[in-house]
Amino acid sequence: MKRRDFNLICASAMLSTLGRSLLVSEVFADEPSVEKKLRILLVVGGHSYDRKNLHAMLNDFPNATFDEIVIPDNQDMLEPELTKDYDVLVFHDQSFFELTQEQKDNLEKLFGDEGIPTVMLHHAFISHPEYPFFRDLYGAQYLTKDTEICGRTYKASSYLHPTNVNIYIAARQHPITEGVGDFSIVDEVFKDVYFNPHIDVLARTDHPEGDRPVLWLWRYKKSPILGLIQGDAGGAFNDPNYRKLFYQGVRYIVAHKDE
């Protein structure tokens, strides 16, 4: 990891206020040159996870390199200057610690003012349930209790693990899903997650104990977001279809960061 002087350590659904979804019909620029390695920062903490297989998936990412930080110890790294060292963030934390006002301001500057492509994996959707900023950022949130959002009460979310999950590609002409057919993995499912109504859903499941969207695009102000709700265990991280969706999704949001 590059050495820098780090001090280690109603959610509106209106597109005009939060940002806009990345519409699949938009025309985008070509991907950046493959000569430059993609720099990934993996953010974890607050929950055990399949470190071996997630690291294996990232290590096998063609022409990419990654570092990992654990929060809350390294929460202060998540500030605007981070964009000089990394091209994309991957969150797989499950955090319930209280953020300082300075840390909250840095998150808003990083994602809203500066902008950085970001992937949200599985556990990340449960993080900071009392802080609506994360619901706005992700385009979705696992609700730990009954929650009122924009005047409507949503019941608490639930989960089931392990179970067989059928994944159906909903947007077959999209670059992220190119070359990926319907497939099945053994993983955890979430039920009654809150989803922003403007996310662009790329893949779904029909599991009776799981919500239909499992892969989607969203934009929070200047940050393109890829939501991937599966990813609890090695059954996902080792699956070639899941890996392809992840790799192509990361490349896509990095290539289209400024649109």
C-alpha atoms as a PDB file:
ATOM      1  CA  MET A   1       0.000   0.000   0.000  1.00  0.00           C
ATOM      2  CA  LYS A   2       1.309   3.456  -0.821  1.00  0.00           C
ATOM      3  CA  ARG A   3       2.528   5.302   2.227  1.00  0.00           C
ATOM      4  CA  ARG A   4       0.668   8.514   2.846  1.00  0.00           C
ATOM      5  CA  ASP A   5       0.172  10.588   5.927  1.00  0.00           C
ATOM      6  CA  PHE A   6      -3.092   8.885   6.867  1.00  0.00           C
ATOM      7  CA  ASN A   7      -4.304   9.300  10.419  1.00  0.00           C
ATOM      8  CA  LEU A   8      -4.971   5.583  10.708  1.00  0.00           C
ATOM      9  CA  ILE A   9      -7.027   5.014  12.904  1.00  0.00           C
ATOM     10  CA  CYS A  10     -35.997  10.624   4.585  1.00  0.00           C
ATOM     11  CA  ALA A  11     -33.624   9.162   2.200  1.00  0.00           C
ATOM     12  CA  SER A  12     -35.014  10.710  -0.922  1.00  0.00           C
ATOM     13  CA  ALA A  13     -35.662   8.586  -3.986  1.00  0.00           C
ATOM     14  CA  MET A  14     -35.732  11.687  -6.195  1.00  0.00           C
ATOM     15  CA  LEU A  15     -33.048  11.505  -8.868  1.00  0.00           C
ATOM     16  CA  SER A  16     -32.756  15.281  -8.863  1.00  0.00           C
ATOM     17  CA  THR A  17     -31.508  15.330  -5.263  1.00  0.00           C
ATOM     18  CA  LEU A  18     -29.573  12.089  -4.779  1.00  0.00           C
ATOM     19  CA  GLY A  19     -28.244  11.542  -8.239  1.00  0.00           C
ATOM     20  CA  ARG A  20     -29.433   9.385 -11.072  1.00  0.00           C
ATOM     21  CA  SER A  21     -29.350   5.743 -11.981  1.00  0.00           C
ATOM     22  CA  LEU A  22     -26.985   4.572 -14.702  1.00  0.00           C
ATOM     23  CA  LEU A  23     -29.489   3.887 -17.446  1.00  0.00           C
ATOM     24  CA  VAL A  24     -28.637   0.874 -19.573  1.00  0.00           C
ATOM     25  CA  SER A  25     -29.610   2.713 -22.727  1.00  0.00           C
ATOM     26  CA  GLU A  26     -26.969   5.418 -22.319  1.00  0.00           C
ATOM     27  CA  VAL A  27     -23.968   5.530 -24.633  1.00  0.00           C
ATOM     28  CA  PHE A  28     -20.677   5.324 -22.788  1.00  0.00           C
ATOM     29  CA  ALA A  29     -17.035   5.891 -23.615  1.00  0.00           C
ATOM     30  CA  ASP A  30     -14.506   3.135 -24.214  1.00  0.00           C
ATOM     31  CA  GLU A  31     -12.836   1.459 -21.253  1.00  0.00           C
ATOM     32  CA  PRO A  32      -9.460   2.811 -20.121  1.00  0.00           C
ATOM     33  CA  SER A  33      -6.276   1.317 -21.497  1.00  0.00           C
ATOM     34  CA  VAL A  34      -5.421  -2.117 -20.123  1.00  0.00           C
ATOM     35  CA  GLU A  35      -1.828  -0.957 -19.695  1.00  0.00           C
ATOM     36  CA  LYS A  36      -2.766   0.749 -16.433  1.00  0.00           C
ATOM     37  CA  LYS A  37      -3.470  -1.597 -13.543  1.00  0.00           C
ATOM     38  CA  LEU A  38      -6.745  -1.075 -11.777  1.00  0.00           C
ATOM     39  CA  ARG A  39      -6.200  -0.100  -8.130  1.00  0.00           C
ATOM     40  CA  ILE A  40      -8.799  -1.578  -5.767  1.00  0.00           C
ATOM     41  CA  LEU A  41      -9.296  -0.884  -2.072  1.00  0.00           C
ATOM     42  CA  LEU A  42     -11.247  -3.559  -0.184  1.00  0.00           C
ATOM     43  CA  VAL A  43     -12.995  -2.264   2.959  1.00  0.00           C
ATOM     44  CA  VAL A  44     -13.939  -4.859   5.595  1.00  0.00           C
ATOM     45  CA  GLY A  45     -14.678  -5.006   9.310  1.00  0.00           C
ATOM     46  CA  GLY A  46     -17.414  -5.754  11.819  1.00  0.00           C
ATOM     47  CA  HIS A  47     -18.225  -9.237  10.565  1.00  0.00           C
ATOM     48  CA  SER A  48     -16.368 -12.436   9.713  1.00  0.00           C
ATOM     49  CA  TYR A  49     -16.128 -13.174   6.008  1.00  0.00           C
ATOM     50  CA  ASP A  50     -14.599 -15.657   3.602  1.00  0.00           C
ATOM     51  CA  ARG A  51     -11.280 -13.843   3.383  1.00  0.00           C
ATOM     52  CA  LYS A  52      -9.478 -16.642   1.542  1.00  0.00           C
ATOM     53  CA  ASN A  53     -11.927 -16.881  -1.340  1.00  0.00           C
ATOM     54  CA  LEU A  54     -12.660 -13.162  -1.613  1.00  0.00           C
ATOM     55  CA  HIS A  55      -8.931 -12.453  -1.752  1.00  0.00           C
ATOM     56  CA  ALA A  56      -8.535 -15.212  -4.332  1.00  0.00           C
ATOM     57  CA  MET A  57     -11.197 -13.574  -6.514  1.00  0.00           C
ATOM     58  CA  LEU A  58      -9.444 -10.209  -6.252  1.00  0.00           C
ATOM     59  CA  ASN A  59      -5.999 -11.720  -6.830  1.00  0.00           C
ATOM     60  CA  ASP A  60      -7.323 -13.370  -9.998  1.00  0.00           C
ATOM     61  CA  PHE A  61      -8.752 -10.088 -11.300  1.00  0.00           C
ATOM     62  CA  PRO A  62      -6.879  -9.527 -14.597  1.00  0.00           C
ATOM     63  CA  ASN A  63      -4.621  -6.479 -14.653  1.00  0.00           C
ATOM     64  CA  ALA A  64      -5.658  -5.304 -11.199  1.00  0.00           C
ATOM     65  CA  THR A  65      -4.130  -5.000  -7.754  1.00  0.00           C
ATOM     66  CA  PHE A  66      -5.811  -4.585  -4.384  1.00  0.00           C
ATOM     67  CA  ASP A  67      -5.195  -3.513  -0.800  1.00  0.00           C
ATOM     68  CA  GLU A  68      -7.397  -4.148   2.220  1.00  0.00           C
ATOM     69  CA  ILE A  69      -8.276  -1.981   5.218  1.00  0.00           C
ATOM     70  CA  VAL A  70     -10.305  -2.844   8.305  1.00  0.00           C
ATOM     71  CA  ILE A  71     -12.701  -0.322   9.786  1.00  0.00           C
ATOM     72  CA  PRO A  72     -13.355   1.318  12.187  1.00  0.00           C
ATOM     73  CA  ASP A  73      -9.588   1.458  12.826  1.00  0.00           C
ATOM     74  CA  ASN A  74      -8.903   2.862   9.353  1.00  0.00           C
ATOM     75  CA  GLN A  75     -12.119   4.826   8.856  1.00  0.00           C
ATOM     76  CA  ASP A  76     -10.151   8.069   8.476  1.00  0.00           C
ATOM     77  CA  MET A  77      -8.653   6.730   5.242  1.00  0.00           C
ATOM     78  CA  LEU A  78     -12.051   7.184   3.613  1.00  0.00           C
ATOM     79  CA  GLU A  79     -11.574  10.816   2.678  1.00  0.00           C
ATOM     80  CA  PRO A  80     -11.354  12.748  -0.625  1.00  0.00           C
ATOM     81  CA  GLU A  81      -7.596  12.265  -1.129  1.00  0.00           C
ATOM     82  CA  LEU A  82      -8.209   8.529  -1.425  1.00  0.00           C
ATOM     83  CA  THR A  83      -9.040   8.973  -5.113  1.00  0.00           C
ATOM     84  CA  LYS A  84      -5.362   9.671  -5.817  1.00  0.00           C
ATOM     85  CA  ASP A  85      -4.396   6.144  -4.738  1.00  0.00           C
ATOM     86  CA  TYR A  86      -7.364   4.011  -5.818  1.00  0.00           C
ATOM     87  CA  ASP A  87      -9.678   3.670  -8.809  1.00  0.00           C
ATOM     88  CA  VAL A  88     -12.477   1.769  -7.088  1.00  0.00           C
ATOM     89  CA  LEU A  89     -13.661   0.846  -3.590  1.00  0.00           C
ATOM     90  CA  VAL A  90     -15.184  -2.529  -2.672  1.00  0.00           C
ATOM     91  CA  PHE A  91     -17.142  -2.557   0.597  1.00  0.00           C
ATOM     92  CA  HIS A  92     -17.756  -5.857   2.374  1.00  0.00           C
ATOM     93  CA  ASP A  93     -17.956  -4.540   5.935  1.00  0.00           C
ATOM     94  CA  GLN A  94     -20.825  -4.775   8.402  1.00  0.00           C
ATOM     95  CA  SER A  95     -20.360  -1.700  10.551  1.00  0.00           C
ATOM     96  CA  PHE A  96     -22.385  -0.376  13.473  1.00  0.00           C
ATOM     97  CA  PHE A  97     -19.867   1.991  15.077  1.00  0.00           C
ATOM     98  CA  GLU A  98     -20.680   5.690  15.469  1.00  0.00           C
ATOM     99  CA  LEU A  99     -19.071   8.002  12.941  1.00  0.00           C
ATOM    100  CA  THR A 100     -17.700  11.361  13.973  1.00  0.00           C
ATOM    101  CA  GLN A 101     -18.987  14.458  12.209  1.00  0.00           C
ATOM    102  CA  GLU A 102     -15.617  14.823  10.483  1.00  0.00           C
ATOM    103  CA  GLN A 103     -15.835  11.252   9.181  1.00  0.00           C
ATOM    104  CA  LYS A 104     -19.368  11.883   7.910  1.00  0.00           C
ATOM    105  CA  ASP A 105     -18.217  15.054   6.161  1.00  0.00           C
ATOM    106  CA  ASN A 106     -15.326  13.152   4.560  1.00  0.00           C
ATOM    107  CA  LEU A 107     -17.674  10.483   3.235  1.00  0.00           C
ATOM    108  CA  GLU A 108     -19.896  13.100   1.634  1.00  0.00           C
ATOM    109  CA  LYS A 109     -16.876  14.816   0.077  1.00  0.00           C
ATOM    110  CA  LEU A 110     -15.424  11.511  -1.138  1.00  0.00           C
ATOM    111  CA  PHE A 111     -18.580  10.137  -2.744  1.00  0.00           C
ATOM    112  CA  GLY A 112     -20.528  13.308  -3.466  1.00  0.00           C
ATOM    113  CA  ASP A 113     -18.020  16.046  -4.274  1.00  0.00           C
ATOM    114  CA  GLU A 114     -15.037  14.052  -5.556  1.00  0.00           C
ATOM    115  CA  GLY A 115     -16.723  10.836  -6.673  1.00  0.00           C
ATOM    116  CA  ILE A 116     -15.263   7.321  -6.783  1.00  0.00           C
ATOM    117  CA  PRO A 117     -16.580   4.103  -8.385  1.00  0.00           C
ATOM    118  CA  THR A 118     -17.784   1.784  -5.626  1.00  0.00           C
ATOM    119  CA  VAL A 119     -18.985  -1.811  -5.281  1.00  0.00           C
ATOM    120  CA  MET A 120     -21.232  -2.824  -2.398  1.00  0.00           C
ATOM    121  CA  LEU A 121     -21.065  -6.525  -1.503  1.00  0.00           C
ATOM    122  CA  HIS A 122     -23.489  -8.438   0.725  1.00  0.00           C
ATOM    123  CA  HIS A 123     -22.599  -7.465   4.321  1.00  0.00           C
ATOM    124  CA  ALA A 124     -22.172  -3.810   3.359  1.00  0.00           C
ATOM    125  CA  PHE A 125     -25.928  -3.418   2.951  1.00  0.00           C
ATOM    126  CA  ILE A 126     -26.366  -3.885   6.701  1.00  0.00           C
ATOM    127  CA  SER A 127     -23.822  -1.229   7.668  1.00  0.00           C
ATOM    128  CA  HIS A 128     -24.797   1.897   9.600  1.00  0.00           C
ATOM    129  CA  PRO A 129     -28.579   1.305   9.582  1.00  0.00           C
ATOM    130  CA  GLU A 130     -29.165   4.490  11.606  1.00  0.00           C
ATOM    131  CA  TYR A 131     -27.336   6.715   9.105  1.00  0.00           C
ATOM    132  CA  PRO A 132     -29.507   7.380   5.988  1.00  0.00           C
ATOM    133  CA  PHE A 133     -26.463   8.496   3.996  1.00  0.00           C
ATOM    134  CA  PHE A 134     -25.517   4.856   3.377  1.00  0.00           C
ATOM    135  CA  ARG A 135     -29.016   4.004   2.131  1.00  0.00           C
ATOM    136  CA  ASP A 136     -28.719   6.883  -0.326  1.00  0.00           C
ATOM    137  CA  LEU A 137     -25.220   5.812  -1.346  1.00  0.00           C
ATOM    138  CA  TYR A 138     -25.992   2.124  -1.913  1.00  0.00           C
ATOM    139  CA  GLY A 139     -29.396   2.459  -3.518  1.00  0.00           C
ATOM    140  CA  ALA A 140     -30.491  -0.210  -1.022  1.00  0.00           C
ATOM    141  CA  GLN A 141     -30.306  -1.105   2.659  1.00  0.00           C
ATOM    142  CA  TYR A 142     -30.882  -4.127   4.881  1.00  0.00           C
ATOM    143  CA  LEU A 143     -33.213  -2.836   7.599  1.00  0.00           C
ATOM    144  CA  THR A 144     -32.420  -4.021  11.117  1.00  0.00           C
ATOM    145  CA  LYS A 145     -35.827  -2.847  12.366  1.00  0.00           C
ATOM    146  CA  ASP A 146     -39.093  -1.442  11.021  1.00  0.00           C
ATOM    147  CA  THR A 147     -38.091   1.830   9.376  1.00  0.00           C
ATOM    148  CA  GLU A 148     -39.973   4.825   8.015  1.00  0.00           C
ATOM    149  CA  ILE A 149     -38.631   6.042   4.677  1.00  0.00           C
ATOM    150  CA  CYS A 150     -40.309   8.916   2.834  1.00  0.00           C
ATOM    151  CA  GLY A 151     -43.478   8.552   4.850  1.00  0.00           C
ATOM    152  CA  ARG A 152     -43.794   4.796   4.380  1.00  0.00           C
ATOM    153  CA  THR A 153     -42.969   2.146   6.986  1.00  0.00           C
ATOM    154  CA  TYR A 154     -40.844  -0.757   5.777  1.00  0.00           C
ATOM    155  CA  LYS A 155     -40.608  -3.876   7.906  1.00  0.00           C
ATOM    156  CA  ALA A 156     -37.314  -5.267   9.153  1.00  0.00           C
ATOM    157  CA  SER A 157     -35.283  -7.357   6.728  1.00  0.00           C
ATOM    158  CA  SER A 158     -34.425 -11.042   7.229  1.00  0.00           C
ATOM    159  CA  TYR A 159     -31.919 -13.567   5.883  1.00  0.00           C
ATOM    160  CA  LEU A 160     -31.567 -17.267   5.089  1.00  0.00           C
ATOM    161  CA  HIS A 161     -28.284 -19.187   4.836  1.00  0.00           C
ATOM    162  CA  PRO A 162     -27.130 -21.416   3.270  1.00  0.00           C
ATOM    163  CA  THR A 163     -29.478 -21.965   0.364  1.00  0.00           C
ATOM    164  CA  ASN A 164     -29.432 -22.566  -3.369  1.00  0.00           C
ATOM    165  CA  VAL A 165     -29.878 -19.276  -5.218  1.00  0.00           C
ATOM    166  CA  ASN A 166     -30.913 -19.140  -8.867  1.00  0.00           C
ATOM    167  CA  ILE A 167     -29.579 -16.026 -10.598  1.00  0.00           C
ATOM    168  CA  TYR A 168     -31.396 -14.821 -13.713  1.00  0.00           C
ATOM    169  CA  ILE A 169     -29.865 -12.185 -15.976  1.00  0.00           C
ATOM    170  CA  ALA A 170     -32.407  -9.395 -16.475  1.00  0.00           C
ATOM    171  CA  ALA A 171     -30.360  -7.120 -18.779  1.00  0.00           C
ATOM    172  CA  ARG A 172     -28.762  -9.471 -21.293  1.00  0.00           C
ATOM    173  CA  GLN A 173     -27.469  -6.737 -23.609  1.00  0.00           C
ATOM    174  CA  HIS A 174     -25.580  -4.857 -20.917  1.00  0.00           C
ATOM    175  CA  PRO A 175     -21.726  -4.907 -20.900  1.00  0.00           C
ATOM    176  CA  ILE A 176     -21.682  -6.077 -17.272  1.00  0.00           C
ATOM    177  CA  THR A 177     -23.725  -9.212 -18.045  1.00  0.00           C
ATOM    178  CA  GLU A 178     -22.151  -9.942 -21.425  1.00  0.00           C
ATOM    179  CA  GLY A 179     -21.284 -13.621 -21.759  1.00  0.00           C
ATOM    180  CA  VAL A 180     -23.054 -14.602 -18.520  1.00  0.00           C
ATOM    181  CA  GLY A 181     -26.105 -16.843 -18.585  1.00  0.00           C
ATOM    182  CA  ASP A 182     -28.471 -17.783 -15.777  1.00  0.00           C
ATOM    183  CA  PHE A 183     -26.697 -19.744 -13.024  1.00  0.00           C
ATOM    184  CA  SER A 184     -27.058 -21.064  -9.466  1.00  0.00           C
ATOM    185  CA  ILE A 185     -24.873 -20.686  -6.380  1.00  0.00           C
ATOM    186  CA  VAL A 186     -25.105 -21.654  -2.709  1.00  0.00           C
ATOM    187  CA  ASP A 187     -25.199 -18.434  -0.700  1.00  0.00           C
ATOM    188  CA  GLU A 188     -27.185 -16.330   1.758  1.00  0.00           C
ATOM    189  CA  VAL A 189     -30.294 -14.429   0.677  1.00  0.00           C
ATOM    190  CA  PHE A 190     -31.845 -11.263   2.103  1.00  0.00           C
ATOM    191  CA  LYS A 191     -35.579 -10.595   2.293  1.00  0.00           C
ATOM    192  CA  ASP A 192     -37.404  -7.237   2.562  1.00  0.00           C
ATOM    193  CA  VAL A 193     -34.344  -5.104   1.834  1.00  0.00           C
ATOM    194  CA  TYR A 194     -35.199  -1.494   1.003  1.00  0.00           C
ATOM    195  CA  PHE A 195     -34.435  -0.702  -2.648  1.00  0.00           C
ATOM    196  CA  ASN A 196     -34.444   2.752  -4.176  1.00  0.00           C
ATOM    197  CA  PRO A 197     -37.076   2.569  -6.958  1.00  0.00           C
ATOM    198  CA  HIS A 198     -34.651   4.061  -9.495  1.00  0.00           C
ATOM    199  CA  ILE A 199     -31.905   1.417  -9.416  1.00  0.00           C
ATOM    200  CA  ASP A 200     -31.206  -0.321 -12.748  1.00  0.00           C
ATOM    201  CA  VAL A 201     -31.581  -4.039 -12.050  1.00  0.00           C
ATOM    202  CA  LEU A 202     -29.254  -6.263 -14.073  1.00  0.00           C
ATOM    203  CA  ALA A 203     -29.907  -9.649 -12.407  1.00  0.00           C
ATOM    204  CA  ARG A 204     -32.628 -11.155 -10.207  1.00  0.00           C
ATOM    205  CA  THR A 205     -33.496 -14.259  -8.218  1.00  0.00           C
ATOM    206  CA  ASP A 206     -36.780 -16.077  -7.719  1.00  0.00           C
ATOM    207  CA  HIS A 207     -35.884 -17.438  -4.285  1.00  0.00           C
ATOM    208  CA  PRO A 208     -38.999 -17.306  -2.060  1.00  0.00           C
ATOM    209  CA  GLU A 209     -36.933 -16.055   0.918  1.00  0.00           C
ATOM    210  CA  GLY A 210     -34.939 -13.542  -1.096  1.00  0.00           C
ATOM    211  CA  ASP A 211     -35.620 -10.208  -2.774  1.00  0.00           C
ATOM    212  CA  ARG A 212     -35.651 -10.240  -6.545  1.00  0.00           C
ATOM    213  CA  PRO A 213     -32.876  -7.691  -7.309  1.00  0.00           C
ATOM    214  CA  VAL A 214     -29.390  -9.137  -6.769  1.00  0.00           C
ATOM    215  CA  LEU A 215     -27.276  -7.003  -9.124  1.00  0.00           C
ATOM    216  CA  TRP A 216     -27.879  -3.371 -10.054  1.00  0.00           C
ATOM    217  CA  LEU A 217     -26.390  -0.023 -11.022  1.00  0.00           C
ATOM    218  CA  TRP A 218     -26.955   3.263  -9.241  1.00  0.00           C
ATOM    219  CA  ARG A 219     -25.312   6.650  -9.041  1.00  0.00           C
ATOM    220  CA  TYR A 220     -24.881   8.706  -5.908  1.00  0.00           C
ATOM    221  CA  LYS A 221     -24.009  12.219  -7.092  1.00  0.00           C
ATOM    222  CA  LYS A 222     -20.527  11.777  -8.652  1.00  0.00           C
ATOM    223  CA  SER A 223     -20.057   8.121  -7.664  1.00  0.00           C
ATOM    224  CA  PRO A 224     -21.214   5.224  -9.859  1.00  0.00           C
ATOM    225  CA  ILE A 225     -22.333   2.341  -7.638  1.00  0.00           C
ATOM    226  CA  LEU A 226     -22.530  -1.381  -8.374  1.00  0.00           C
ATOM    227  CA  GLY A 227     -24.729  -3.294  -5.934  1.00  0.00           C
ATOM    228  CA  LEU A 228     -24.109  -7.041  -5.668  1.00  0.00           C
ATOM    229  CA  ILE A 229     -26.167  -8.539  -2.906  1.00  0.00           C
ATOM    230  CA  GLN A 230     -24.750 -12.063  -3.129  1.00  0.00           C
ATOM    231  CA  GLY A 231     -21.290 -12.783  -1.747  1.00  0.00           C
ATOM    232  CA  ASP A 232     -21.545 -14.310   1.691  1.00  0.00           C
ATOM    233  CA  ALA A 233     -19.366 -17.336   1.068  1.00  0.00           C
ATOM    234  CA  GLY A 234     -16.910 -19.053  -1.247  1.00  0.00           C
ATOM    235  CA  GLY A 235     -19.781 -20.557  -3.207  1.00  0.00           C
ATOM    236  CA  ALA A 236     -20.173 -17.120  -4.743  1.00  0.00           C
ATOM    237  CA  PHE A 237     -16.558 -15.941  -4.885  1.00  0.00           C
ATOM    238  CA  ASN A 238     -15.420 -19.168  -6.569  1.00  0.00           C
ATOM    239  CA  ASP A 239     -18.206 -19.253  -9.138  1.00  0.00           C
ATOM    240  CA  PRO A 240     -16.984 -18.227 -12.640  1.00  0.00           C
ATOM    241  CA  ASN A 241     -20.275 -16.490 -13.477  1.00  0.00           C
ATOM    242  CA  TYR A 242     -20.261 -14.452 -10.273  1.00  0.00           C
ATOM    243  CA  ARG A 243     -16.614 -13.555 -10.863  1.00  0.00           C
ATOM    244  CA  LYS A 244     -17.328 -12.442 -14.406  1.00  0.00           C
ATOM    245  CA  LEU A 245     -20.183 -10.200 -13.251  1.00  0.00           C
ATOM    246  CA  PHE A 246     -17.917  -8.722 -10.590  1.00  0.00           C
ATOM    247  CA  TYR A 247     -14.945  -8.154 -12.922  1.00  0.00           C
ATOM    248  CA  GLN A 248     -17.045  -6.699 -15.729  1.00  0.00           C
ATOM    249  CA  GLY A 249     -19.041  -4.611 -13.265  1.00  0.00           C
ATOM    250  CA  VAL A 250     -15.923  -3.086 -11.734  1.00  0.00           C
ATOM    251  CA  ARG A 251     -14.433  -2.294 -15.144  1.00  0.00           C
ATOM    252  CA  TYR A 252     -17.720  -0.748 -16.232  1.00  0.00           C
ATOM    253  CA  ILE A 253     -18.180   1.673 -13.343  1.00  0.00           C
ATOM    254  CA  VAL A 254     -14.523   2.706 -13.474  1.00  0.00           C
ATOM    255  CA  ALA A 255     -14.770   3.403 -17.222  1.00  0.00           C
ATOM    256  CA  HIS A 256     -17.942   5.465 -16.773  1.00  0.00           C
ATOM    257  CA  LYS A 257     -17.082   7.354 -13.615  1.00  0.00           C
ATOM    258  CA  ASP A 258     -17.392  10.822 -15.126  1.00  0.00           C
ATOM    259  CA  GLU A 259     -20.675  10.336 -16.994  1.00  0.00           C
END
